[in-house]
N, C-alpha and C. Protein backbone atom coordinates (compact mmCIF):
# COMPACT_ATOMS: atom_id res chain seq x y z
N UNK A 1 1.95 18.69 -15.36
CA UNK A 1 1.48 19.40 -14.19
C UNK A 1 0.38 18.58 -13.52
N UNK A 2 0.44 18.55 -12.22
CA UNK A 2 -0.58 17.82 -11.48
C UNK A 2 -1.58 18.80 -10.86
N UNK A 3 -2.55 18.25 -10.15
CA UNK A 3 -3.63 19.06 -9.62
C UNK A 3 -3.13 20.07 -8.58
N UNK A 4 -2.08 19.72 -7.84
CA UNK A 4 -1.55 20.65 -6.84
C UNK A 4 -0.97 21.89 -7.50
N UNK A 5 -0.26 21.72 -8.58
CA UNK A 5 0.33 22.86 -9.28
C UNK A 5 -0.74 23.72 -9.94
N UNK A 6 -1.79 23.08 -10.46
CA UNK A 6 -2.89 23.86 -11.03
C UNK A 6 -3.60 24.68 -9.95
N UNK A 7 -3.80 24.09 -8.79
CA UNK A 7 -4.46 24.81 -7.70
C UNK A 7 -3.58 25.97 -7.20
N UNK A 8 -2.27 25.74 -7.11
CA UNK A 8 -1.37 26.81 -6.68
C UNK A 8 -1.35 27.94 -7.69
N UNK A 9 -1.36 27.61 -8.96
CA UNK A 9 -1.40 28.64 -10.01
C UNK A 9 -2.69 29.44 -9.93
N UNK A 10 -3.81 28.77 -9.70
CA UNK A 10 -5.08 29.48 -9.57
C UNK A 10 -5.08 30.41 -8.36
N UNK A 11 -4.52 29.97 -7.24
CA UNK A 11 -4.48 30.83 -6.06
C UNK A 11 -3.60 32.06 -6.29
N UNK A 12 -2.50 31.88 -6.98
CA UNK A 12 -1.62 33.02 -7.26
C UNK A 12 -2.33 34.03 -8.16
N UNK A 13 -2.99 33.54 -9.19
CA UNK A 13 -3.68 34.44 -10.12
C UNK A 13 -4.84 35.14 -9.43
N UNK A 14 -5.60 34.41 -8.63
CA UNK A 14 -6.75 35.00 -7.96
C UNK A 14 -6.37 35.93 -6.81
N UNK A 15 -5.13 35.87 -6.38
CA UNK A 15 -4.70 36.75 -5.30
C UNK A 15 -4.25 38.12 -5.81
N UNK A 16 -3.99 38.25 -7.07
CA UNK A 16 -3.54 39.53 -7.61
C UNK A 16 -4.52 40.68 -7.37
N UNK A 17 -5.84 40.50 -7.54
CA UNK A 17 -6.76 41.60 -7.20
C UNK A 17 -6.72 41.97 -5.72
N UNK A 18 -6.52 40.98 -4.86
CA UNK A 18 -6.43 41.25 -3.43
C UNK A 18 -5.21 42.13 -3.11
N UNK A 19 -4.09 41.80 -3.72
CA UNK A 19 -2.90 42.62 -3.51
C UNK A 19 -3.04 43.99 -4.15
N UNK A 20 -3.73 44.06 -5.27
CA UNK A 20 -4.00 45.36 -5.89
C UNK A 20 -4.84 46.25 -4.98
N UNK A 21 -5.81 45.65 -4.31
CA UNK A 21 -6.63 46.40 -3.36
C UNK A 21 -5.78 46.91 -2.20
N UNK A 22 -4.83 46.10 -1.75
CA UNK A 22 -3.97 46.52 -0.63
C UNK A 22 -3.14 47.73 -1.01
N UNK A 23 -2.70 47.80 -2.27
CA UNK A 23 -1.90 48.95 -2.69
C UNK A 23 -2.75 50.18 -2.93
N UNK A 24 -4.04 50.01 -3.24
CA UNK A 24 -4.89 51.16 -3.51
C UNK A 24 -5.54 51.75 -2.26
N UNK A 25 -5.64 50.97 -1.20
CA UNK A 25 -6.25 51.49 0.04
C UNK A 25 -5.33 52.52 0.69
N UNK A 26 -5.94 53.53 1.21
CA UNK A 26 -5.16 54.60 1.85
C UNK A 26 -5.07 54.45 3.37
N UNK A 27 -6.03 53.77 3.97
CA UNK A 27 -6.03 53.68 5.43
C UNK A 27 -5.30 52.42 5.89
N UNK A 28 -4.59 52.56 6.98
CA UNK A 28 -3.85 51.42 7.55
C UNK A 28 -4.82 50.36 8.06
N UNK A 29 -6.00 50.78 8.49
CA UNK A 29 -6.98 49.84 9.01
C UNK A 29 -7.52 48.93 7.90
N UNK A 30 -7.57 49.43 6.68
CA UNK A 30 -8.04 48.61 5.57
C UNK A 30 -6.98 47.70 5.01
N UNK A 31 -5.72 48.08 5.15
CA UNK A 31 -4.63 47.29 4.59
C UNK A 31 -4.34 46.06 5.44
N UNK A 32 -4.47 46.17 6.73
CA UNK A 32 -4.11 45.06 7.62
C UNK A 32 -4.90 43.78 7.35
N UNK A 33 -6.23 43.82 7.28
CA UNK A 33 -6.95 42.56 6.99
C UNK A 33 -6.63 42.02 5.60
N UNK A 34 -6.39 42.91 4.66
CA UNK A 34 -6.06 42.47 3.31
C UNK A 34 -4.73 41.72 3.30
N UNK A 35 -3.75 42.25 3.97
CA UNK A 35 -2.45 41.59 4.01
C UNK A 35 -2.48 40.30 4.84
N UNK A 36 -3.29 40.27 5.88
CA UNK A 36 -3.43 39.04 6.66
C UNK A 36 -4.08 37.94 5.81
N UNK A 37 -5.09 38.31 5.04
CA UNK A 37 -5.72 37.32 4.16
C UNK A 37 -4.75 36.86 3.07
N UNK A 38 -3.98 37.80 2.54
CA UNK A 38 -3.00 37.44 1.52
C UNK A 38 -1.93 36.51 2.09
N UNK A 39 -1.53 36.73 3.32
CA UNK A 39 -0.55 35.85 3.95
C UNK A 39 -1.07 34.44 4.12
N UNK A 40 -2.34 34.31 4.49
CA UNK A 40 -2.94 32.98 4.61
C UNK A 40 -3.03 32.26 3.27
N UNK A 41 -3.38 33.01 2.23
CA UNK A 41 -3.48 32.40 0.90
C UNK A 41 -2.10 31.99 0.40
N UNK A 42 -1.09 32.81 0.66
CA UNK A 42 0.27 32.45 0.24
C UNK A 42 0.76 31.21 0.98
N UNK A 43 0.37 31.06 2.23
CA UNK A 43 0.75 29.87 2.98
C UNK A 43 0.17 28.62 2.34
N UNK A 44 -1.10 28.67 2.00
CA UNK A 44 -1.74 27.53 1.33
C UNK A 44 -1.09 27.28 -0.03
N UNK A 45 -0.74 28.35 -0.74
CA UNK A 45 -0.08 28.22 -2.03
C UNK A 45 1.27 27.54 -1.88
N UNK A 46 2.02 27.89 -0.85
CA UNK A 46 3.32 27.25 -0.63
C UNK A 46 3.17 25.76 -0.31
N UNK A 47 2.14 25.41 0.45
CA UNK A 47 1.90 23.99 0.73
C UNK A 47 1.55 23.25 -0.56
N UNK A 48 0.72 23.85 -1.39
CA UNK A 48 0.36 23.22 -2.66
C UNK A 48 1.57 23.07 -3.57
N UNK A 49 2.43 24.06 -3.60
CA UNK A 49 3.63 23.96 -4.42
C UNK A 49 4.56 22.86 -3.90
N UNK A 50 4.68 22.76 -2.58
CA UNK A 50 5.52 21.71 -2.01
C UNK A 50 4.99 20.32 -2.37
N UNK A 51 3.69 20.16 -2.32
CA UNK A 51 3.09 18.87 -2.69
C UNK A 51 3.18 18.63 -4.19
N UNK A 52 3.00 19.70 -4.97
CA UNK A 52 3.06 19.56 -6.42
C UNK A 52 4.43 19.17 -6.93
N UNK A 53 5.46 19.71 -6.31
CA UNK A 53 6.83 19.37 -6.71
C UNK A 53 7.36 18.15 -5.95
N UNK A 54 6.52 17.58 -5.09
CA UNK A 54 6.86 16.39 -4.30
C UNK A 54 8.11 16.60 -3.46
N UNK A 55 8.17 17.75 -2.82
CA UNK A 55 9.26 18.09 -1.91
C UNK A 55 8.65 18.41 -0.56
N UNK A 56 8.52 17.41 0.27
CA UNK A 56 7.86 17.62 1.56
C UNK A 56 8.68 18.52 2.48
N UNK A 57 9.98 18.64 2.23
CA UNK A 57 10.80 19.51 3.07
C UNK A 57 10.43 20.98 2.86
N UNK A 58 9.86 21.30 1.70
CA UNK A 58 9.47 22.69 1.44
C UNK A 58 8.24 23.10 2.23
N UNK A 59 7.56 22.15 2.84
CA UNK A 59 6.40 22.47 3.66
C UNK A 59 6.81 23.30 4.88
N UNK A 60 8.03 23.15 5.32
CA UNK A 60 8.53 23.94 6.45
C UNK A 60 8.49 25.42 6.11
N UNK A 61 8.75 25.75 4.86
CA UNK A 61 8.67 27.14 4.42
C UNK A 61 7.26 27.70 4.62
N UNK A 62 6.26 26.89 4.33
CA UNK A 62 4.88 27.33 4.52
C UNK A 62 4.55 27.52 6.00
N UNK A 63 5.07 26.65 6.85
CA UNK A 63 4.83 26.79 8.30
C UNK A 63 5.48 28.07 8.82
N UNK A 64 6.69 28.33 8.38
CA UNK A 64 7.38 29.57 8.79
C UNK A 64 6.65 30.79 8.25
N UNK A 65 6.15 30.70 7.03
CA UNK A 65 5.41 31.83 6.45
C UNK A 65 4.13 32.11 7.23
N UNK A 66 3.46 31.07 7.70
CA UNK A 66 2.24 31.30 8.48
C UNK A 66 2.55 31.97 9.81
N UNK A 67 3.64 31.56 10.44
CA UNK A 67 4.02 32.20 11.70
C UNK A 67 4.45 33.65 11.49
N UNK A 68 5.18 33.91 10.41
CA UNK A 68 5.62 35.27 10.13
C UNK A 68 4.47 36.17 9.69
N UNK A 69 3.44 35.60 9.09
CA UNK A 69 2.26 36.40 8.73
C UNK A 69 1.59 36.92 10.00
N UNK A 70 1.43 36.05 10.97
CA UNK A 70 0.82 36.47 12.24
C UNK A 70 1.72 37.49 12.95
N UNK A 71 3.01 37.20 13.03
CA UNK A 71 3.94 38.11 13.71
C UNK A 71 4.02 39.45 12.99
N UNK A 72 3.99 39.42 11.67
CA UNK A 72 4.03 40.67 10.91
C UNK A 72 2.80 41.53 11.16
N UNK A 73 1.65 40.89 11.31
CA UNK A 73 0.44 41.64 11.63
C UNK A 73 0.51 42.28 12.99
N UNK A 74 1.07 41.58 13.96
CA UNK A 74 1.22 42.15 15.30
C UNK A 74 2.20 43.32 15.30
N UNK A 75 3.28 43.20 14.56
CA UNK A 75 4.26 44.30 14.47
C UNK A 75 3.62 45.49 13.77
N UNK A 76 2.85 45.24 12.72
CA UNK A 76 2.16 46.32 12.01
C UNK A 76 1.23 47.08 12.94
N UNK A 77 0.45 46.35 13.72
CA UNK A 77 -0.47 46.99 14.65
C UNK A 77 0.29 47.76 15.72
N UNK A 78 1.39 47.21 16.18
CA UNK A 78 2.17 47.86 17.24
C UNK A 78 2.71 49.21 16.79
N UNK A 79 3.26 49.26 15.59
CA UNK A 79 3.86 50.50 15.12
C UNK A 79 2.87 51.46 14.48
N UNK A 80 1.71 50.96 14.11
CA UNK A 80 0.72 51.83 13.48
C UNK A 80 -0.49 52.11 14.38
N UNK A 81 -0.39 51.79 15.66
CA UNK A 81 -1.55 51.93 16.53
C UNK A 81 -2.01 53.38 16.66
N UNK A 82 -1.10 54.32 16.54
CA UNK A 82 -1.50 55.73 16.62
C UNK A 82 -2.33 56.13 15.41
N UNK A 83 -2.03 55.59 14.25
CA UNK A 83 -2.78 55.91 13.05
C UNK A 83 -4.10 55.16 12.99
N UNK A 84 -4.23 54.06 13.73
CA UNK A 84 -5.45 53.28 13.72
C UNK A 84 -6.55 53.92 14.56
N UNK A 85 -6.20 54.82 15.45
CA UNK A 85 -7.21 55.47 16.31
C UNK A 85 -8.00 56.50 15.57
């Protein structure tokens, strides 16, 4: 294992409390920032995994994940805007 795989493993393990908090929160306003932060961390984790396995083509997956994280947040706000008020 190289340093990239160790860093990716650490990010995955350290993200579990963040995801646990997202499942325990009851308000939609509290879940959105948590999931946005989790999406950013997963994007970095995917880049680290791509570098760790020496597959640069897998970096495209991380780019798509970052775009979908932003788009997913916008869709969440759009459909939950009544509950956010």
